[in-house]
Amino acid sequence: MARINLRPWREERNALLQKRFLGNLVAAAVLGALTVFAISYYYDMQMDRQQARNNYLRTEISKLDKKIAEIRELRRKRERLLERLNAIQELQGNRPVIVRNFDELVRVLPDDLYYSAISRKGDRISINGLAGNNNDVSSLMRNLQSSIWFGEPSLSRVQAANQMRNFNLSVPLTKPKAEEASK
């Protein structure tokens, strides 16, 4: 039998297989590295997109916060204006009431009685005056109480001076209903 030496062929085949294996190993490593790089790049890109969305949302939220602050400021201004408007309307509405109060003070004034000073603090009127006798002061108090523009009067003092009587009383102001005031 002839002897054939297969060793060099096997060595060449083994070397070729080893080269292929190393090539496949390098190719798999490169493919794995490319895959990892691609996945990393994809996630970085997604994170950048999300960061851009977050930044957009932050800017829009800050714009809305500014608008909300403006709306709150406008509401505060509106409330202040409404308060002013109500105060002006109340003053305008009270203007004829004051005139009517003075007119009513003259109507309830009995003969032989004189006002020397009238002052107003809040919803109370203080009256200082001179009367011929105590019955005139009582008559004034009854007239004030029967008026729809005044409440119950409170007499604080009566002093005799010469032939006249000095008196001091206070009476609360009331606002009658529109039907009563027109009578």
Protein backbone atom coordinates (compact mmCIF):
# COMPACT_ATOMS: atom_id res chain seq x y z
CA MET A 1 0.00 0.00 0.00
CA ALA A 2 1.23 3.35 -0.85
CA ARG A 3 1.69 5.80 1.81
CA ILE A 4 -0.01 9.13 1.25
CA ASN A 5 0.86 11.91 3.52
CA LEU A 6 -2.36 13.87 4.23
CA ARG A 7 -0.83 16.02 6.85
CA PRO A 8 -0.06 19.13 4.76
CA TRP A 9 -3.53 19.05 3.27
CA ARG A 10 -5.05 18.73 6.71
CA GLU A 11 -2.86 21.49 8.01
CA GLU A 12 -3.91 23.71 5.14
CA ARG A 13 -7.55 22.83 5.72
CA ASN A 14 -7.19 23.41 9.48
CA ALA A 15 -5.44 26.73 8.80
CA LEU A 16 -8.23 27.67 6.38
CA LEU A 17 -10.90 26.64 8.87
CA GLN A 18 -9.10 28.55 11.61
CA LYS A 19 -8.94 31.64 9.35
CA ARG A 20 -12.63 31.28 8.55
CA PHE A 21 -13.39 30.87 12.24
CA LEU A 22 -11.35 33.92 13.13
CA GLY A 23 -12.95 35.83 10.23
CA ASN A 24 -16.42 34.79 11.40
CA LEU A 25 -15.45 35.66 14.96
CA VAL A 26 -14.19 39.09 13.87
CA ALA A 27 -17.28 39.56 11.66
CA ALA A 28 -19.57 38.58 14.58
CA ALA A 29 -17.66 40.95 16.88
CA VAL A 30 -17.91 43.76 14.33
CA LEU A 31 -21.57 42.96 13.71
CA GLY A 32 -22.18 42.87 17.48
CA ALA A 33 -20.32 46.18 17.93
CA LEU A 34 -22.31 47.70 15.06
CA THR A 35 -25.53 46.40 16.57
CA VAL A 36 -24.61 47.80 19.98
CA PHE A 37 -23.60 51.09 18.34
CA ALA A 38 -26.84 51.20 16.31
CA ILE A 39 -28.96 50.46 19.37
CA SER A 40 -27.01 53.04 21.39
CA TYR A 41 -27.40 55.58 18.60
CA TYR A 42 -31.15 54.81 18.37
CA TYR A 43 -31.61 55.31 22.12
CA ASP A 44 -29.52 58.50 22.07
CA MET A 45 -31.62 59.77 19.19
CA GLN A 46 -34.82 58.87 21.07
CA MET A 47 -33.49 60.60 24.19
CA ASP A 48 -32.62 63.71 22.16
CA ARG A 49 -36.13 63.73 20.67
CA GLN A 50 -37.66 63.34 24.11
CA GLN A 51 -35.40 66.07 25.47
CA ALA A 52 -36.54 68.34 22.62
CA ARG A 53 -40.17 67.53 23.44
CA ASN A 54 -39.55 68.24 27.12
CA ASN A 55 -37.90 71.55 26.29
CA TYR A 56 -40.82 72.46 24.03
CA LEU A 57 -43.27 71.57 26.80
CA ARG A 58 -41.28 73.61 29.33
CA THR A 59 -41.33 76.68 27.09
CA GLU A 60 -45.05 76.28 26.44
CA ILE A 61 -45.72 75.77 30.15
CA SER A 62 -43.74 78.90 30.98
CA LYS A 63 -45.76 80.83 28.37
CA LEU A 64 -48.98 79.51 29.90
CA ASP A 65 -47.74 80.39 33.40
CA LYS A 66 -47.14 83.95 32.23
CA LYS A 67 -50.63 84.08 30.71
CA ILE A 68 -52.11 82.69 33.93
CA ALA A 69 -50.25 85.36 35.91
CA GLU A 70 -51.60 88.01 33.53
CA ILE A 71 -55.11 86.61 33.94
CA ARG A 72 -54.77 86.70 37.73
CA GLU A 73 -53.53 90.27 37.57
CA LEU A 74 -56.42 91.20 35.29
CA ARG A 75 -58.86 89.56 37.70
CA ARG A 76 -57.34 91.54 40.59
CA LYS A 77 -57.64 94.73 38.56
CA ARG A 78 -61.22 93.81 37.68
CA GLU A 79 -62.06 93.22 41.34
CA ARG A 80 -60.53 96.56 42.30
CA LEU A 81 -62.44 98.29 39.50
CA LEU A 82 -65.68 96.60 40.57
CA GLU A 83 -65.06 97.72 44.15
CA ARG A 84 -64.47 101.27 42.95
CA LEU A 85 -67.54 101.11 40.74
CA ASN A 86 -69.66 99.87 43.64
CA ALA A 87 -68.28 102.61 45.89
CA ILE A 88 -69.05 105.24 43.26
CA GLN A 89 -72.54 103.83 42.71
CA GLU A 90 -73.12 103.79 46.45
CA LEU A 91 -71.95 107.39 46.74
CA GLN A 92 -74.12 108.39 43.80
CA GLY A 93 -77.05 106.53 45.34
CA ASN A 94 -76.48 108.14 48.75
CA ARG A 95 -76.26 111.66 47.39
CA PRO A 96 -80.05 112.16 47.19
CA VAL A 97 -80.43 110.36 50.54
CA ILE A 98 -78.34 113.02 52.29
CA VAL A 99 -80.45 115.76 50.75
CA ARG A 100 -83.57 113.89 51.76
CA ASN A 101 -82.21 113.52 55.33
CA PHE A 102 -81.65 117.26 55.62
CA ASP A 103 -85.10 117.89 54.19
CA GLU A 104 -86.61 115.48 56.69
CA LEU A 105 -84.70 117.16 59.56
CA VAL A 106 -86.48 120.39 58.63
CA ARG A 107 -89.88 118.65 58.37
CA VAL A 108 -89.68 117.03 61.81
CA LEU A 109 -88.55 120.30 63.48
CA PRO A 110 -91.27 121.59 65.85
CA ASP A 111 -91.92 125.30 66.44
CA ASP A 112 -89.81 127.00 69.09
CA LEU A 113 -86.93 124.56 68.53
CA TYR A 114 -83.67 125.43 66.75
CA TYR A 115 -80.73 123.38 65.60
CA SER A 116 -77.38 124.84 66.62
CA ALA A 117 -75.13 122.05 65.25
CA ILE A 118 -75.62 118.92 63.19
CA SER A 119 -72.83 116.41 62.58
CA ARG A 120 -72.72 113.00 61.00
CA LYS A 121 -70.45 110.09 61.92
CA GLY A 122 -71.09 106.97 59.90
CA ASP A 123 -74.81 106.20 60.03
CA ARG A 124 -75.59 108.44 63.04
CA ILE A 125 -76.47 112.12 63.16
CA SER A 126 -75.72 114.13 66.29
CA ILE A 127 -77.98 117.13 66.84
CA ASN A 128 -77.31 120.02 69.23
CA GLY A 129 -80.06 122.59 69.61
CA LEU A 130 -82.13 125.00 71.63
CA ALA A 131 -85.72 124.42 72.68
CA GLY A 132 -88.29 126.60 74.45
CA ASN A 133 -89.29 123.76 76.79
CA ASN A 134 -88.87 120.02 77.31
CA ASN A 135 -92.09 119.20 75.42
CA ASP A 136 -90.52 120.55 72.22
CA VAL A 137 -87.56 118.17 72.62
CA SER A 138 -89.97 115.27 73.22
CA SER A 139 -91.97 116.30 70.16
CA LEU A 140 -88.77 116.34 68.08
CA MET A 141 -87.87 112.87 69.29
CA ARG A 142 -91.34 111.51 68.45
CA ASN A 143 -91.20 113.12 64.99
CA LEU A 144 -87.75 111.65 64.33
CA GLN A 145 -88.88 108.18 65.41
CA SER A 146 -91.99 108.32 63.23
CA SER A 147 -89.93 109.30 60.16
CA ILE A 148 -88.91 106.50 57.77
CA TRP A 149 -85.50 108.14 57.31
CA PHE A 150 -84.43 107.95 60.95
CA GLY A 151 -84.26 105.31 63.64
CA GLU A 152 -84.91 105.64 67.35
CA PRO A 153 -83.32 108.85 68.73
CA SER A 154 -81.20 108.84 71.86
CA LEU A 155 -81.23 111.95 74.08
CA SER A 156 -77.93 112.46 75.87
CA ARG A 157 -78.49 115.75 77.74
CA VAL A 158 -80.87 118.65 78.34
CA GLN A 159 -79.63 121.76 80.17
CA ALA A 160 -81.49 124.88 81.10
CA ALA A 161 -79.74 128.04 79.92
CA ASN A 162 -81.50 131.41 80.34
CA GLN A 163 -85.06 130.84 79.13
CA MET A 164 -84.06 128.13 76.60
CA ARG A 165 -83.06 124.49 76.97
CA ASN A 166 -79.82 123.18 75.37
CA PHE A 167 -80.18 119.59 74.22
CA ASN A 168 -77.99 116.99 72.59
CA LEU A 169 -79.34 113.88 70.87
CA SER A 170 -78.21 111.36 68.29
CA VAL A 171 -80.32 109.46 65.82
CA PRO A 172 -79.38 106.60 63.44
CA LEU A 173 -80.01 106.96 59.73
CA THR A 174 -82.08 104.31 57.98
CA LYS A 175 -82.63 103.66 54.31
CA PRO A 176 -86.29 103.10 53.56
CA LYS A 177 -87.44 100.83 50.78
CA ALA A 178 -88.02 102.45 47.41
CA GLU A 179 -91.82 102.25 47.79
CA GLU A 180 -91.72 104.01 51.19
CA ALA A 181 -89.25 106.66 50.04
CA SER A 182 -91.40 107.76 47.11
CA LYS A 183 -94.35 108.69 49.37
